[in-house]
Amino acid sequence: MSRLFLLVLASILFTGAAYAEVGFRLFTVNNTEGRSLDVAVWYPSAEKGVVEQVGENAAFVGTPVVKNALPVSGRHPLLLLSHGYGGNWGNTGWLAHAMAARGYIVAAPNHPGTTTRNRDAVQASKLWLRPQDLIVVMNNLIASPSIAGDIDQQRIAAAGHSLGGWTVMALAGARFSTSRLSKDCEIHTLLGACKVASPLGITKPGAADRLAADLSNARIKAVVSLDLGLARGFTPQSLAGIRLPVLVMAAQADSDDVPAQLESGYLMRFLPADRAQFVSVAGATHFSFMQLCKPGAQALIEEDAPGEGVVCQDGARASREQIHHQLINQISHFLDRALDYSPRNDDTPLGSSPSGA
């Protein structure tokens, strides 16, 4: 179907058994805060049907699925995905598809206010609701197994890119200090986190208490941070107190907006050494964790939104397909071990902590 599909298939064959089909559904769920969440869910299915591409448009490659297919029987681990600031559920569809083919149920909501499809300023300024969005989705899927299948409630994990990485770290137990970030932004003025602090409501009256609260959920058993931002507002004490497995992945070809040393490196400086693993992803930029760009996509995006074509740029001597292949293998190995889900192929360490963070 595409080179990405072949890479995903190769990864599946390397890391364990695959399901014949990947099912896919879109649904909407409301929470008590008045947020309406549009949710995409990929899941293992044995049902044959018409294979369609989802998350595809003129610029980006989608993933092959059977829409509304019947889920397979049995209990399956759940992986919750959180997109970055201004992103959407399609950004990590490549990872969702690969993990669903391995037997995971994978759900990704659009976070109101910080998605391409909803930039409402009021919703965007409620940053503390982002972790809760994932819990609302989790609860809905557990209560409604007809959507994507039965969830093994002892095997639930979360992964997020950029602001999504911040979201899943909060679910893991990291607590945020608005004053800490404000002071840090006086020094590190180029950080993207400092530029979005106001639209995210971090500087609003009352935000400090909401963000400093415990936003964790005990049912989350492991998290994966993909080149997160906004890390420097997390308190060292809360990071040191995290007890679940954490995989921190950073772009080797980093930027002034999201420098690996100051963001992902900050996490590794305080996370317990026996709980956290670090990977510097060779050739990756901050946007390499997003979906594949089609040929000519960068120019197409630039025409519509000057300066935004950067989302299709990767590091020197690296293709996004190769980067995704590496990420799929490393993330699946980490989650399989952390959730005790599938046979181990090896016990090779994923990486080491960066120095000088």
Protein backbone atom coordinates (compact mmCIF):
# COMPACT_ATOMS: atom_id res chain seq x y z
CA MET A 1 0.00 0.00 0.00
CA SER A 2 2.85 2.38 0.88
CA ARG A 3 6.40 2.20 2.10
CA LEU A 4 5.14 3.17 5.54
CA PHE A 5 2.80 0.18 5.58
CA LEU A 6 5.71 -2.10 4.70
CA LEU A 7 7.80 -0.59 7.48
CA VAL A 8 4.96 -1.04 9.94
CA LEU A 9 4.51 -4.64 8.83
CA ALA A 10 8.21 -5.30 9.22
CA SER A 11 8.10 -3.86 12.72
CA ILE A 12 5.13 -6.06 13.63
CA LEU A 13 6.83 -9.19 12.36
CA PHE A 14 9.94 -8.28 14.34
CA THR A 15 8.24 -7.52 17.62
CA GLY A 16 5.44 -10.06 17.74
CA ALA A 17 2.24 -11.46 16.26
CA ALA A 18 0.01 -9.20 14.18
CA TYR A 19 -3.73 -9.08 13.64
CA ALA A 20 -5.10 -9.49 10.15
CA GLU A 21 -6.90 -6.15 10.08
CA VAL A 22 -6.98 -2.86 11.93
CA GLY A 23 -10.44 -1.54 12.67
CA PHE A 24 -11.20 2.15 13.06
CA ARG A 25 -14.02 4.28 14.45
CA LEU A 26 -14.72 7.93 15.09
CA PHE A 27 -16.98 8.90 17.97
CA THR A 28 -17.76 11.87 20.18
CA VAL A 29 -17.89 11.93 23.97
CA ASN A 30 -18.76 14.77 26.35
CA ASN A 31 -17.32 15.37 29.79
CA THR A 32 -18.58 17.20 32.85
CA GLU A 33 -16.62 20.35 31.93
CA GLY A 34 -18.67 20.87 28.79
CA ARG A 35 -15.91 19.72 26.48
CA SER A 36 -16.96 17.75 23.43
CA LEU A 37 -14.19 15.34 22.44
CA ASP A 38 -13.86 13.99 18.92
CA VAL A 39 -12.08 10.65 19.30
CA ALA A 40 -10.39 8.32 16.82
CA VAL A 41 -9.81 4.72 17.85
CA TRP A 42 -7.80 2.00 16.12
CA TYR A 43 -8.23 -1.60 17.29
CA PRO A 44 -7.47 -5.20 16.30
CA SER A 45 -10.07 -6.87 14.11
CA ALA A 46 -10.43 -10.12 12.19
CA GLU A 47 -13.18 -8.75 9.98
CA LYS A 48 -12.40 -8.47 6.29
CA GLY A 49 -13.71 -5.40 4.54
CA VAL A 50 -12.88 -2.49 2.31
CA VAL A 51 -9.55 -1.00 3.33
CA GLU A 52 -9.61 2.80 3.42
CA GLN A 53 -7.09 5.46 4.29
CA VAL A 54 -7.90 7.59 7.34
CA GLY A 55 -6.14 10.78 8.39
CA GLU A 56 -5.10 11.43 4.79
CA ASN A 57 -5.31 14.73 2.94
CA ALA A 58 -3.46 16.59 0.19
CA ALA A 59 -0.36 17.00 2.37
CA PHE A 60 -0.26 13.96 4.67
CA VAL A 61 -0.29 10.18 4.30
CA GLY A 62 -3.01 8.28 6.15
CA THR A 63 -3.20 4.75 7.54
CA PRO A 64 -5.03 1.71 6.07
CA VAL A 65 -8.02 0.55 8.13
CA VAL A 66 -11.39 -1.15 7.94
CA LYS A 67 -13.89 1.39 9.20
CA ASN A 68 -16.36 0.27 11.87
CA ALA A 69 -15.07 -3.32 11.77
CA LEU A 70 -16.01 -5.70 14.56
CA PRO A 71 -13.31 -5.85 17.25
CA VAL A 72 -11.71 -9.19 18.02
CA SER A 73 -12.63 -11.01 21.21
CA GLY A 74 -10.49 -11.05 24.34
CA ARG A 75 -9.01 -8.30 26.47
CA HIS A 76 -6.49 -5.92 25.02
CA PRO A 77 -4.15 -3.25 26.38
CA LEU A 78 -5.15 0.37 25.85
CA LEU A 79 -2.86 3.11 24.57
CA LEU A 80 -4.09 6.71 24.86
CA LEU A 81 -2.51 9.25 22.51
CA SER A 82 -2.32 13.03 22.98
CA HIS A 83 -1.47 15.40 20.13
CA GLY A 84 0.59 18.58 20.31
CA TYR A 85 -0.43 22.24 20.36
CA GLY A 86 -2.48 22.92 17.23
CA GLY A 87 -2.35 19.25 16.18
CA ASN A 88 -4.99 16.54 15.84
CA TRP A 89 -5.55 12.79 16.15
CA GLY A 90 -4.12 12.16 12.69
CA ASN A 91 -0.63 13.28 13.71
CA THR A 92 0.23 9.98 15.41
CA GLY A 93 -1.95 7.72 13.28
CA TRP A 94 1.19 5.92 12.10
CA LEU A 95 1.89 4.83 15.70
CA ALA A 96 -1.75 4.07 16.45
CA HIS A 97 -2.02 1.76 13.43
CA ALA A 98 1.16 -0.11 14.30
CA MET A 99 0.16 -0.66 17.91
CA ALA A 100 -3.38 -1.75 16.95
CA ALA A 101 -1.88 -4.32 14.61
CA ARG A 102 0.03 -5.64 17.64
CA GLY A 103 -3.17 -6.08 19.63
CA TYR A 104 -3.51 -2.73 21.38
CA ILE A 105 -6.65 -0.61 21.41
CA VAL A 106 -5.43 2.90 20.63
CA ALA A 107 -7.50 6.04 21.20
CA ALA A 108 -6.65 9.64 20.29
CA PRO A 109 -8.93 12.59 21.08
CA ASN A 110 -8.78 16.08 19.63
CA HIS A 111 -8.17 18.34 22.63
CA PRO A 112 -10.62 21.28 22.42
CA GLY A 113 -8.92 24.64 21.96
CA THR A 114 -5.52 23.23 21.02
CA THR A 115 -6.41 21.28 17.89
CA THR A 116 -6.44 22.26 14.22
CA ARG A 117 -10.19 21.71 14.25
CA ASN A 118 -10.97 23.75 17.36
CA ARG A 119 -8.91 26.79 18.37
CA ASP A 120 -11.43 28.19 20.83
CA ALA A 121 -9.47 30.48 23.16
CA VAL A 122 -11.55 29.70 26.23
CA GLN A 123 -11.02 25.94 25.85
CA ALA A 124 -7.33 26.39 25.05
CA SER A 125 -6.79 28.29 28.30
CA LYS A 126 -7.85 25.27 30.38
CA LEU A 127 -4.60 23.33 30.11
CA TRP A 128 -5.37 21.29 33.22
CA LEU A 129 -8.26 19.60 31.38
CA ARG A 130 -6.00 17.96 28.80
CA PRO A 131 -5.04 15.01 31.05
CA GLN A 132 -8.70 14.65 32.00
CA ASP A 133 -9.62 14.41 28.32
CA LEU A 134 -7.67 11.16 28.12
CA ILE A 135 -9.33 9.78 31.24
CA VAL A 136 -12.78 10.60 29.84
CA VAL A 137 -11.91 8.66 26.68
CA MET A 138 -10.52 5.76 28.72
CA ASN A 139 -13.65 5.54 30.86
CA ASN A 140 -15.91 5.68 27.82
CA LEU A 141 -14.07 2.85 26.06
CA ILE A 142 -14.06 0.68 29.18
CA ALA A 143 -17.81 1.19 29.61
CA SER A 144 -18.57 0.58 25.91
CA PRO A 145 -16.59 -2.46 24.67
CA SER A 146 -18.68 -2.57 21.49
CA ILE A 147 -16.69 0.43 20.23
CA ALA A 148 -13.25 -1.16 20.06
CA GLY A 149 -13.26 -4.30 22.23
CA ASP A 150 -12.64 -5.26 25.84
CA ILE A 151 -9.87 -3.36 27.59
CA ASP A 152 -7.49 -5.00 30.03
CA GLN A 153 -7.66 -2.42 32.81
CA GLN A 154 -4.32 -3.57 34.22
CA ARG A 155 -2.59 -2.67 30.95
CA ILE A 156 -3.26 0.97 30.15
CA ALA A 157 -0.60 3.40 28.91
CA ALA A 158 -0.44 6.91 27.46
CA ALA A 159 1.85 8.57 24.92
CA GLY A 160 1.98 12.14 23.71
CA HIS A 161 3.89 14.42 21.35
CA SER A 162 4.99 17.95 22.26
CA LEU A 163 2.19 19.39 24.44
CA GLY A 164 0.82 15.86 24.40
CA GLY A 165 4.02 14.79 26.13
CA TRP A 166 3.30 17.33 28.86
CA THR A 167 -0.22 15.89 29.08
CA VAL A 168 0.88 12.30 29.68
CA MET A 169 3.59 13.34 32.15
CA ALA A 170 0.89 15.08 34.19
CA LEU A 171 -1.06 11.81 34.11
CA ALA A 172 2.05 10.07 35.43
CA GLY A 173 2.18 12.36 38.45
CA ALA A 174 4.24 15.38 37.40
CA ARG A 175 2.94 18.59 38.98
CA PHE A 176 3.19 22.00 37.39
CA SER A 177 4.29 25.31 38.91
CA THR A 178 3.27 28.42 36.98
CA SER A 179 5.71 30.56 38.94
CA ARG A 180 8.54 28.17 38.17
CA LEU A 181 7.85 28.40 34.43
CA SER A 182 7.47 32.18 34.55
CA LYS A 183 10.86 32.59 36.21
CA ASP A 184 12.45 30.14 33.76
CA CYS A 185 11.04 32.08 30.80
CA GLU A 186 12.94 35.16 31.98
CA ILE A 187 16.11 33.18 31.23
CA HIS A 188 15.13 30.92 28.34
CA THR A 189 13.18 33.42 26.29
CA LEU A 190 13.21 31.43 23.04
CA LEU A 191 11.40 28.39 24.41
CA GLY A 192 8.16 27.60 22.63
CA ALA A 193 6.64 26.93 26.04
CA CYS A 194 7.07 30.59 26.94
CA LYS A 195 5.37 31.71 23.74
CA VAL A 196 2.25 29.61 24.37
CA ALA A 197 2.00 30.22 28.11
CA SER A 198 -0.60 32.96 27.69
CA PRO A 199 -2.95 31.19 25.21
CA LEU A 200 -2.76 28.05 27.37
CA GLY A 201 -4.03 30.03 30.34
CA ILE A 202 -0.90 29.52 32.42
CA THR A 203 -0.77 33.23 33.28
CA LYS A 204 -4.49 33.52 34.12
CA PRO A 205 -5.67 34.11 37.70
CA GLY A 206 -6.59 30.80 39.29
CA ALA A 207 -4.54 28.71 36.87
CA ALA A 208 -1.73 28.15 39.37
CA ASP A 209 -3.87 26.12 41.76
CA ARG A 210 -5.53 24.10 39.00
CA LEU A 211 -2.22 23.19 37.38
CA ALA A 212 -0.47 22.48 40.70
CA ALA A 213 -3.09 19.89 41.60
CA ASP A 214 -2.49 16.16 41.26
CA LEU A 215 -3.66 15.37 37.72
CA SER A 216 -2.44 11.77 37.78
CA ASN A 217 -4.50 8.62 37.38
CA ALA A 218 -3.49 5.34 39.01
CA ARG A 219 -4.83 3.27 36.12
CA ILE A 220 -2.10 4.62 33.83
CA LYS A 221 0.74 2.10 34.10
CA ALA A 222 3.32 3.57 31.70
CA VAL A 223 3.86 6.73 29.66
CA VAL A 224 5.84 7.73 26.58
CA SER A 225 6.90 11.34 26.06
CA LEU A 226 7.68 12.27 22.45
CA ASP A 227 9.83 15.42 22.36
CA LEU A 228 7.66 17.20 24.91
CA GLY A 229 7.48 20.91 25.60
CA LEU A 230 6.55 22.87 28.74
CA ALA A 231 8.56 20.43 30.87
CA ARG A 232 10.40 23.11 32.83
CA GLY A 233 7.28 24.00 34.77
CA PHE A 234 7.16 20.55 36.37
CA THR A 235 8.52 20.53 39.91
CA PRO A 236 11.63 18.41 40.54
CA GLN A 237 9.98 16.85 43.59
CA SER A 238 7.00 15.59 41.61
CA LEU A 239 9.18 14.17 38.84
CA ALA A 240 11.34 12.39 41.39
CA GLY A 241 8.23 10.84 42.91
CA ILE A 242 6.96 9.19 39.71
CA ARG A 243 6.90 5.43 40.15
CA LEU A 244 5.64 4.13 36.81
CA PRO A 245 7.86 3.38 33.78
CA VAL A 246 8.57 6.41 31.57
CA LEU A 247 10.11 6.44 28.10
CA VAL A 248 11.44 9.88 27.14
CA MET A 249 12.18 10.30 23.43
CA ALA A 250 13.81 13.47 22.12
CA ALA A 251 14.60 14.80 18.65
CA GLN A 252 18.33 14.67 17.99
CA ALA A 253 18.01 17.56 15.52
CA ASP A 254 16.34 19.84 18.04
CA SER A 255 15.28 23.48 17.82
CA ASP A 256 15.24 26.72 19.82
CA ASP A 257 11.53 26.15 20.45
CA VAL A 258 11.89 22.64 21.89
CA PRO A 259 15.56 21.99 22.70
CA ALA A 260 16.09 18.42 23.84
CA GLN A 261 18.54 19.36 26.59
CA LEU A 262 16.18 21.88 28.20
CA GLU A 263 12.90 19.96 27.77
CA SER A 264 13.33 16.16 27.59
CA GLY A 265 16.69 16.49 29.31
CA TYR A 266 15.02 18.34 32.16
CA LEU A 267 12.75 15.34 32.75
CA MET A 268 15.68 12.94 32.82
CA ARG A 269 17.51 15.14 35.31
CA PHE A 270 14.87 14.48 37.97
CA LEU A 271 13.00 11.28 37.03
CA PRO A 272 14.02 8.19 39.02
CA ALA A 273 16.87 6.45 37.21
CA ASP A 274 15.30 3.04 37.70
CA ARG A 275 11.99 4.15 36.12
CA ALA A 276 12.98 6.36 33.19
CA GLN A 277 14.63 5.51 29.88
CA PHE A 278 15.93 8.06 27.38
CA VAL A 279 16.26 7.85 23.60
CA SER A 280 17.75 10.56 21.42
CA VAL A 281 16.08 9.80 18.08
CA ALA A 282 18.72 10.01 15.38
CA GLY A 283 17.83 12.33 12.52
CA ALA A 284 14.54 13.42 14.07
CA THR A 285 13.27 16.97 14.30
CA HIS A 286 10.40 17.97 16.54
CA PHE A 287 7.99 17.28 13.67
CA SER A 288 9.38 13.87 12.74
CA PHE A 289 6.99 12.41 15.31
CA MET A 290 4.07 13.49 13.12
CA GLN A 291 2.60 11.64 10.14
CA LEU A 292 4.35 11.20 6.80
CA CYS A 293 4.27 14.11 4.36
CA LYS A 294 3.44 13.47 0.73
CA PRO A 295 5.83 14.60 -2.03
CA GLY A 296 5.45 18.33 -2.51
CA ALA A 297 3.62 18.73 0.80
CA GLN A 298 6.04 21.28 2.21
CA ALA A 299 5.49 23.68 -0.69
CA LEU A 300 1.73 23.08 -0.56
CA ILE A 301 1.60 23.93 3.15
CA GLU A 302 3.76 27.01 2.64
CA GLU A 303 1.31 28.35 0.08
CA ASP A 304 -1.53 28.15 2.55
CA ALA A 305 0.36 28.97 5.75
CA PRO A 306 3.80 30.56 5.22
CA GLY A 307 6.36 29.20 7.68
CA GLU A 308 4.35 26.08 8.53
CA GLY A 309 6.01 23.88 5.91
CA VAL A 310 8.63 23.12 8.56
CA VAL A 311 6.34 20.30 9.76
CA CYS A 312 7.60 18.24 6.81
CA GLN A 313 11.30 18.74 7.56
CA ASP A 314 13.43 15.99 9.09
CA GLY A 315 17.09 15.92 10.05
CA ALA A 316 20.00 15.38 7.71
CA ARG A 317 20.43 11.91 6.22
CA ALA A 318 17.18 10.62 7.74
CA SER A 319 13.78 9.88 6.27
CA ARG A 320 10.60 10.09 8.30
CA GLU A 321 9.79 6.51 7.28
CA GLN A 322 13.04 5.28 8.81
CA ILE A 323 12.47 7.35 11.93
CA HIS A 324 8.95 5.94 12.35
CA HIS A 325 10.26 2.40 11.90
CA GLN A 326 12.74 2.96 14.74
CA LEU A 327 10.12 4.59 16.95
CA ILE A 328 7.59 1.80 16.44
CA ASN A 329 10.12 -0.82 17.48
CA GLN A 330 11.35 1.07 20.53
CA ILE A 331 7.94 2.18 21.76
CA SER A 332 6.37 -1.26 21.28
CA HIS A 333 9.25 -2.94 23.11
CA PHE A 334 8.99 -0.47 25.98
CA LEU A 335 5.21 -0.78 26.35
CA ASP A 336 5.23 -4.56 26.01
CA ARG A 337 7.73 -4.80 28.85
CA ALA A 338 6.11 -2.13 31.00
CA LEU A 339 2.65 -3.68 30.66
CA ASP A 340 3.88 -7.28 30.64
CA TYR A 341 1.92 -7.79 27.47
CA SER A 342 3.86 -9.72 24.83
CA PRO A 343 6.89 -12.05 24.55
CA ARG A 344 10.21 -10.25 24.91
CA ASN A 345 12.62 -10.49 22.02
CA ASP A 346 15.54 -9.02 23.88
CA ASP A 347 16.48 -7.04 26.95
CA THR A 348 18.66 -4.46 25.20
CA PRO A 349 18.56 -1.10 26.97
CA LEU A 350 16.81 1.57 24.94
CA GLY A 351 19.33 4.28 25.72
CA SER A 352 20.91 6.41 28.40
CA SER A 353 20.33 9.70 30.12
CA PRO A 354 21.65 12.82 28.36
CA SER A 355 24.50 14.62 30.02
CA GLY A 356 24.55 18.24 31.03
CA ALA A 357 20.77 18.59 31.36
